[in-house]
Protein backbone atom coordinates (compact mmCIF):
# COMPACT_ATOMS: atom_id res chain seq x y z
CA UNK A 1 -10.25 -22.02 1.25
CA UNK A 2 -6.82 -21.13 -0.02
CA UNK A 3 -4.35 -18.37 0.75
CA UNK A 4 -2.74 -15.74 -1.42
CA UNK A 5 0.90 -15.86 -0.40
CA UNK A 6 3.22 -12.89 -0.32
CA UNK A 7 6.79 -12.32 0.75
CA UNK A 8 5.97 -12.35 4.45
CA UNK A 9 8.41 -9.57 5.27
CA UNK A 10 8.55 -7.86 8.63
CA UNK A 11 5.75 -5.28 8.87
CA UNK A 12 5.56 -1.89 10.54
CA UNK A 13 1.79 -2.18 11.02
CA UNK A 14 -0.60 -5.07 10.47
CA UNK A 15 -4.35 -5.08 10.91
CA UNK A 16 -7.35 -7.40 10.94
CA UNK A 17 -10.70 -6.40 9.51
CA UNK A 18 -13.33 -6.46 6.81
CA UNK A 19 -13.17 -4.45 3.62
CA UNK A 20 -16.23 -4.18 1.37
CA UNK A 21 -17.17 -2.68 -1.95
CA UNK A 22 -19.07 0.60 -1.68
CA UNK A 23 -21.62 1.59 -4.33
CA UNK A 24 -22.76 5.21 -4.60
CA UNK A 25 -25.32 6.58 -7.08
CA UNK A 26 -23.82 9.07 -9.51
CA UNK A 27 -26.64 11.53 -8.85
CA UNK A 28 -28.07 12.64 -5.50
CA UNK A 29 -31.57 11.61 -4.45
CA UNK A 30 -33.40 8.46 -3.37
CA UNK A 31 -31.52 5.36 -4.42
CA UNK A 32 -34.66 3.75 -5.83
CA UNK A 33 -34.37 6.09 -8.79
CA UNK A 34 -30.65 5.51 -9.41
CA UNK A 35 -29.50 3.48 -12.38
CA UNK A 36 -25.80 4.35 -12.40
CA UNK A 37 -23.37 3.78 -9.54
CA UNK A 38 -19.68 4.25 -8.84
CA UNK A 39 -17.84 1.55 -6.92
CA UNK A 40 -14.78 1.70 -4.69
CA UNK A 41 -13.38 -0.30 -1.80
CA UNK A 42 -13.97 0.83 1.79
CA UNK A 43 -12.85 -0.56 5.12
CA UNK A 44 -11.63 1.22 8.26
CA UNK A 45 -8.56 -0.94 8.73
CA UNK A 46 -7.46 -0.98 5.09
CA UNK A 47 -8.03 2.77 4.85
CA UNK A 48 -5.43 3.22 7.57
CA UNK A 49 -3.05 0.67 6.05
CA UNK A 50 -3.27 2.37 2.65
CA UNK A 51 -2.56 5.72 4.32
CA UNK A 52 0.54 4.25 5.93
CA UNK A 53 1.68 2.54 2.74
CA UNK A 54 1.50 5.80 0.79
CA UNK A 55 3.82 7.31 3.38
CA UNK A 56 6.36 4.53 2.82
CA UNK A 57 5.57 2.21 5.73
CA UNK A 58 5.31 -1.58 5.43
CA UNK A 59 1.81 -2.82 6.10
CA UNK A 60 0.02 -6.17 6.19
CA UNK A 61 -3.62 -7.17 6.26
CA UNK A 62 -5.33 -10.22 7.79
CA UNK A 63 -8.81 -10.89 6.44
CA UNK A 64 -11.05 -13.11 4.36
CA UNK A 65 -12.78 -12.41 1.05
CA UNK A 66 -15.33 -14.23 -1.04
CA UNK A 67 -14.35 -15.96 -4.26
CA UNK A 68 -16.15 -13.38 -6.37
CA UNK A 69 -15.49 -10.28 -8.43
CA UNK A 70 -15.88 -7.98 -5.43
CA UNK A 71 -13.25 -9.95 -3.54
CA UNK A 72 -10.93 -9.69 -6.53
CA UNK A 73 -11.52 -5.94 -6.73
CA UNK A 74 -10.60 -5.50 -3.08
CA UNK A 75 -7.59 -7.78 -3.30
CA UNK A 76 -6.08 -6.16 -6.37
CA UNK A 77 -6.66 -2.67 -4.99
CA UNK A 78 -5.08 -3.32 -1.59
CA UNK A 79 -2.18 -5.19 -3.15
CA UNK A 80 -1.71 -2.38 -5.65
CA UNK A 81 -1.51 0.09 -2.75
CA UNK A 82 1.46 -1.82 -1.37
CA UNK A 83 -0.28 -3.78 1.39
CA UNK A 84 0.98 -7.31 2.00
CA UNK A 85 -1.98 -9.67 1.42
CA UNK A 86 -0.23 -12.94 2.21
CA UNK A 87 -2.57 -13.47 5.17
CA UNK A 88 -5.80 -12.90 3.23
CA UNK A 89 -7.77 -16.09 2.66
CA UNK A 90 -10.43 -16.76 0.03
CA UNK A 91 -13.66 -18.45 1.07
CA UNK A 92 -15.29 -20.27 -1.81
CA UNK A 93 -18.73 -20.36 -0.13
CA UNK A 94 -19.24 -17.01 1.65
CA UNK A 95 -19.59 -13.73 -0.29
CA UNK A 96 -17.64 -10.51 -0.05
CA UNK A 97 -19.62 -7.81 1.77
CA UNK A 98 -21.01 -4.78 -0.05
CA UNK A 99 -22.76 -1.59 1.02
CA UNK A 100 -24.50 1.40 -0.52
CA UNK A 101 -24.30 5.12 0.23
CA UNK A 102 -27.50 7.03 -0.56
CA UNK A 103 -26.94 10.78 -0.74
CA UNK A 104 -30.28 12.59 -0.61
CA UNK A 105 -28.41 15.86 -0.15
CA UNK A 106 -25.24 16.98 1.65
CA UNK A 107 -27.05 16.88 5.02
CA UNK A 108 -28.95 13.64 4.50
CA UNK A 109 -26.82 10.54 3.80
CA UNK A 110 -27.97 6.96 4.40
CA UNK A 111 -25.78 3.84 4.52
CA UNK A 112 -27.11 0.36 3.76
CA UNK A 113 -24.89 -2.63 4.66
CA UNK A 114 -25.08 -6.13 3.16
CA UNK A 115 -22.42 -7.89 5.21
CA UNK A 116 -24.33 -10.58 7.15
CA UNK A 117 -22.62 -13.98 6.72
CA UNK A 118 -19.89 -12.34 4.65
CA UNK A 119 -16.55 -14.09 4.26
CA UNK A 120 -14.83 -11.66 6.64
CA UNK A 121 -17.48 -12.19 9.33
CA UNK A 122 -16.44 -15.85 9.48
CA UNK A 123 -12.82 -15.23 10.43
CA UNK A 124 -11.54 -17.54 13.18
CA UNK A 125 -8.43 -17.53 15.41
CA UNK A 126 -7.00 -20.38 13.34
CA UNK A 127 -6.52 -17.94 10.47
CA UNK A 128 -4.20 -15.73 12.50
CA UNK A 129 -0.52 -16.53 11.95
CA UNK A 130 1.29 -16.06 15.25
CA UNK A 131 4.67 -15.46 13.61
CA UNK A 132 3.20 -12.82 11.31
CA UNK A 133 1.94 -10.73 14.22
CA UNK A 134 5.05 -11.36 16.31
CA UNK A 135 7.28 -9.70 13.70
CA UNK A 136 5.19 -6.52 13.48
CA UNK A 137 5.84 -3.26 15.31
CA UNK A 138 2.15 -2.38 15.75
CA UNK A 139 -1.10 -4.31 15.63
CA UNK A 140 -3.87 -1.93 14.59
CA UNK A 141 -7.47 -2.96 15.29
CA UNK A 142 -10.87 -1.27 15.31
CA UNK A 143 -14.10 -1.90 17.20
CA UNK A 144 -15.85 -2.88 13.98
CA UNK A 145 -14.32 -6.34 13.59
CA UNK A 146 -15.31 -7.79 17.00
CA UNK A 147 -18.87 -6.61 16.32
CA UNK A 148 -19.20 -8.69 13.14
CA UNK A 149 -19.59 -12.10 14.80
CA UNK A 150 -18.59 -14.11 17.88
CA UNK A 151 -15.76 -15.74 15.91
CA UNK A 152 -14.46 -12.31 14.83
CA UNK A 153 -14.47 -11.15 18.43
CA UNK A 154 -12.57 -14.26 19.45
CA UNK A 155 -10.11 -13.66 16.61
CA UNK A 156 -9.41 -10.10 17.75
CA UNK A 157 -8.75 -11.16 21.34
CA UNK A 158 -6.51 -13.96 20.08
CA UNK A 159 -4.50 -11.49 18.00
CA UNK A 160 -4.19 -9.09 20.94
CA UNK A 161 -2.87 -11.89 23.15
CA UNK A 162 -0.27 -12.81 20.53
CA UNK A 163 0.79 -9.17 20.27
CA UNK A 164 1.12 -8.79 24.04
CA UNK A 165 3.16 -11.99 24.30
CA UNK A 166 5.58 -10.67 21.70
CA UNK A 167 5.80 -7.04 22.85
CA UNK A 168 3.97 -5.76 19.79
CA UNK A 169 2.18 -2.47 20.51
CA UNK A 170 -1.62 -2.69 20.24
CA UNK A 171 -3.36 0.36 18.76
CA UNK A 172 -7.16 0.50 19.03
CA UNK A 173 -9.72 2.75 17.37
CA UNK A 174 -13.11 2.01 19.04
CA UNK A 175 -14.90 2.98 15.81
CA UNK A 176 -18.33 2.44 17.34
CA UNK A 177 -20.99 1.00 15.01
CA UNK A 178 -24.23 0.91 16.97
CA UNK A 179 -26.13 -1.04 14.31
CA UNK A 180 -23.81 -4.05 14.60
CA UNK A 181 -24.47 -4.99 18.23
CA UNK A 182 -26.28 -4.07 21.44
CA UNK A 183 -25.09 -1.07 23.43
CA UNK A 184 -24.27 -3.23 26.45
CA UNK A 185 -22.11 -5.66 24.46
CA UNK A 186 -20.47 -2.82 22.56
CA UNK A 187 -19.59 -0.91 25.74
CA UNK A 188 -18.28 -3.99 27.53
CA UNK A 189 -16.16 -5.12 24.58
CA UNK A 190 -14.75 -1.71 23.68
CA UNK A 191 -13.76 -1.05 27.30
CA UNK A 192 -12.18 -4.49 27.56
CA UNK A 193 -10.11 -4.04 24.40
CA UNK A 194 -9.15 -0.49 25.43
CA UNK A 195 -7.71 -1.88 28.64
CA UNK A 196 -5.57 -4.31 26.69
CA UNK A 197 -4.31 -1.68 24.22
CA UNK A 198 -1.19 0.46 24.42
CA UNK A 199 -2.71 3.28 22.36
CA UNK A 200 -6.41 4.15 22.03
CA UNK A 201 -7.78 6.58 19.41
CA UNK A 202 -11.41 7.37 20.31
CA UNK A 203 -13.63 10.12 19.03
CA UNK A 204 -15.24 12.42 21.58
CA UNK A 205 -18.62 10.81 20.87
CA UNK A 206 -17.19 7.42 21.74
CA UNK A 207 -15.87 8.85 24.99
CA UNK A 208 -19.40 9.90 25.86
CA UNK A 209 -20.71 6.44 24.96
CA UNK A 210 -18.09 4.67 27.08
CA UNK A 211 -17.78 7.03 30.05
CA UNK A 212 -20.78 9.36 29.89
CA UNK A 213 -18.71 12.50 29.38
CA UNK A 214 -17.50 14.80 26.61
CA UNK A 215 -14.79 16.20 28.86
CA UNK A 216 -11.75 14.90 26.99
CA UNK A 217 -9.42 15.26 29.97
CA UNK A 218 -11.76 13.28 32.18
CA UNK A 219 -12.21 10.67 29.46
CA UNK A 220 -8.45 10.28 29.00
CA UNK A 221 -8.07 9.70 32.75
CA UNK A 222 -10.73 6.98 32.51
CA UNK A 223 -8.83 5.27 29.72
CA UNK A 224 -5.61 5.44 31.75
CA UNK A 225 -7.46 3.85 34.66
CA UNK A 226 -8.22 0.88 32.41
CA UNK A 227 -4.51 0.44 31.74
CA UNK A 228 -4.09 2.34 28.46
CA UNK A 229 -0.68 4.00 28.15
CA UNK A 230 -1.52 6.59 25.48
CA UNK A 231 -4.89 8.15 24.66
CA UNK A 232 -5.54 10.39 21.65
CA UNK A 233 -9.07 11.82 21.52
CA UNK A 234 -10.34 13.12 18.18
CA UNK A 235 -12.28 16.38 18.44
CA UNK A 236 -13.35 16.74 14.81
CA UNK A 237 -12.29 19.95 13.09
CA UNK A 238 -11.20 21.33 16.47
CA UNK A 239 -8.20 19.00 16.53
CA UNK A 240 -7.22 16.39 19.10
CA UNK A 241 -6.16 15.97 22.71
CA UNK A 242 -3.48 13.51 23.75
CA UNK A 243 -2.38 12.11 27.10
CA UNK A 244 0.50 9.68 27.50
CA UNK A 245 2.52 8.05 30.24
CA UNK A 246 -0.41 8.09 32.68
CA UNK A 247 -1.13 11.72 31.91
CA UNK A 248 2.41 13.01 32.52
CA UNK A 249 2.73 14.06 28.88
CA UNK A 250 -0.37 15.73 27.48
CA UNK A 251 -1.46 18.47 25.16
CA UNK A 252 -3.97 19.81 22.66
CA UNK A 253 -3.33 20.01 18.92
CA UNK A 254 -5.42 22.37 16.84
CA UNK A 255 -7.05 21.08 13.69
CA UNK A 256 -6.13 22.07 10.15
CA UNK A 257 -8.61 24.11 8.19
CA UNK A 258 -9.80 23.11 4.72
CA UNK A 259 -11.68 25.28 2.24
CA UNK A 260 -14.60 22.87 2.02
CA UNK A 261 -15.47 19.56 3.68
CA UNK A 262 -16.48 17.30 0.79
CA UNK A 263 -16.68 13.90 2.53
CA UNK A 264 -15.79 13.38 6.22
CA UNK A 265 -16.03 9.58 6.00
CA UNK A 266 -12.59 8.03 6.44
CA UNK A 267 -11.09 11.05 8.19
CA UNK A 268 -10.61 9.08 11.41
CA UNK A 269 -8.82 6.32 9.51
CA UNK A 270 -6.52 8.89 7.95
CA UNK A 271 -5.94 10.38 11.39
CA UNK A 272 -4.86 6.97 12.68
CA UNK A 273 -2.47 6.59 9.74
CA UNK A 274 -0.92 9.95 10.56
CA UNK A 275 -0.44 9.18 14.24
CA UNK A 276 1.07 5.76 13.55
CA UNK A 277 3.29 7.16 10.82
CA UNK A 278 4.58 9.80 13.19
CA UNK A 279 5.36 7.24 15.86
CA UNK A 280 7.14 5.01 13.33
CA UNK A 281 9.19 8.06 12.32
CA UNK A 282 10.10 8.58 16.02
CA UNK A 283 8.26 11.90 16.34
CA UNK A 284 7.00 13.01 19.73
CA UNK A 285 3.40 12.06 20.50
CA UNK A 286 2.36 15.69 19.99
CA UNK A 287 4.04 15.85 16.57
CA UNK A 288 2.48 12.50 15.60
CA UNK A 289 -0.98 13.76 16.56
CA UNK A 290 -0.39 16.91 14.50
CA UNK A 291 0.37 14.70 11.49
CA UNK A 292 -2.83 12.78 12.20
CA UNK A 293 -4.86 15.99 12.22
CA UNK A 294 -3.32 17.04 8.92
CA UNK A 295 -4.17 13.78 7.14
CA UNK A 296 -7.67 13.75 8.61
CA UNK A 297 -8.25 17.21 7.15
CA UNK A 298 -6.86 16.19 3.77
CA UNK A 299 -9.19 13.18 3.60
CA UNK A 300 -12.21 15.42 4.33
CA UNK A 301 -11.50 17.60 1.32
CA UNK A 302 -11.85 14.75 -1.21
CA UNK A 303 -14.76 12.44 -2.00
CA UNK A 304 -14.03 8.85 -0.93
CA UNK A 305 -12.37 7.04 1.94
CA UNK A 306 -8.87 6.65 0.48
CA UNK A 307 -8.75 9.14 -2.37
CA UNK A 308 -7.51 11.97 -0.14
CA UNK A 309 -4.76 10.00 1.61
CA UNK A 310 -1.46 11.74 0.78
CA UNK A 311 2.05 10.65 -0.04
CA UNK A 312 5.01 12.26 1.75
CA UNK A 313 5.37 15.18 -0.62
CA UNK A 314 1.67 16.04 -0.53
CA UNK A 315 1.58 15.77 3.27
CA UNK A 316 4.61 18.01 3.76
CA UNK A 317 3.25 20.58 1.34
CA UNK A 318 -0.10 20.66 3.14
CA UNK A 319 1.43 20.91 6.61
CA UNK A 320 3.86 23.62 5.56
CA UNK A 321 1.08 25.73 4.07
CA UNK A 322 -1.44 25.30 6.90
CA UNK A 323 -1.65 26.31 10.54
CA UNK A 324 -1.91 23.57 13.14
CA UNK A 325 -0.35 24.68 16.36
CA UNK A 326 0.22 22.47 19.36
CA UNK A 327 -0.73 23.94 22.72
CA UNK A 328 0.47 22.33 25.95
CA UNK A 329 -2.29 22.13 28.54
């Protein structure tokens, strides 16, 4: 293995996770009949980092790619989006993961992953630079990475420990992927990481999985009981509910409407970028959540995970022309 070195500057947000190449048939229908595909990169963590970079924040990515054309595609794209890739290693033996999106019709979409034994799934704690994390303001992680392999889970916990030792805020999106592990292991791990995180960004479905309820106020109290300082629960197009400082500061933010939802995949990653961007800009938690709702809506209106992520001008224009009112509750 060898590393691709960058400037190593102090980062606003760094993240650890796998990014793959996504192939989608040009025409809808069963994939067996497709002979032309589009390709783009897709990864929950890098989606969020790209969203932050487009808003002017400094971001860094820790991962591993295969020494192949797909790895090169991912590396050049993320680097071109302004993400620091100095902590990305290249594995000469393991491949870069890929996956396929089969669109039968707008209501029937199937995803096929080919990520077993991928380069990213073989990340180890030794590949995490302590000084790199220590200089960041936020460590952003998702529940996907610890599900990839035992070594990935160990790597995530190692990174969290480094962050806690150096007063780096840990932000966690549970991002439940049921196909990657058993429900018991998923629930145990996601609850454990939530308890170690300063900010948790679950969807309402993940709240039901973890606590058996879709009552977002009850779920936020359960997260606080684990030790989480701030909870922001995504409610889809309805908006989001936030609770901070053990529930002393809380409220509901209405969602932003879009003319047509083209592709909802990646909306949660855009939401995370908006919330983190707001916090980095020293907005109140309610204002940060409102920004998250806006970016999530913008991502939904464009096909692709990162294509709808806005820059500052586009974000301001969208927010100024849309209604998204915060209601204290």
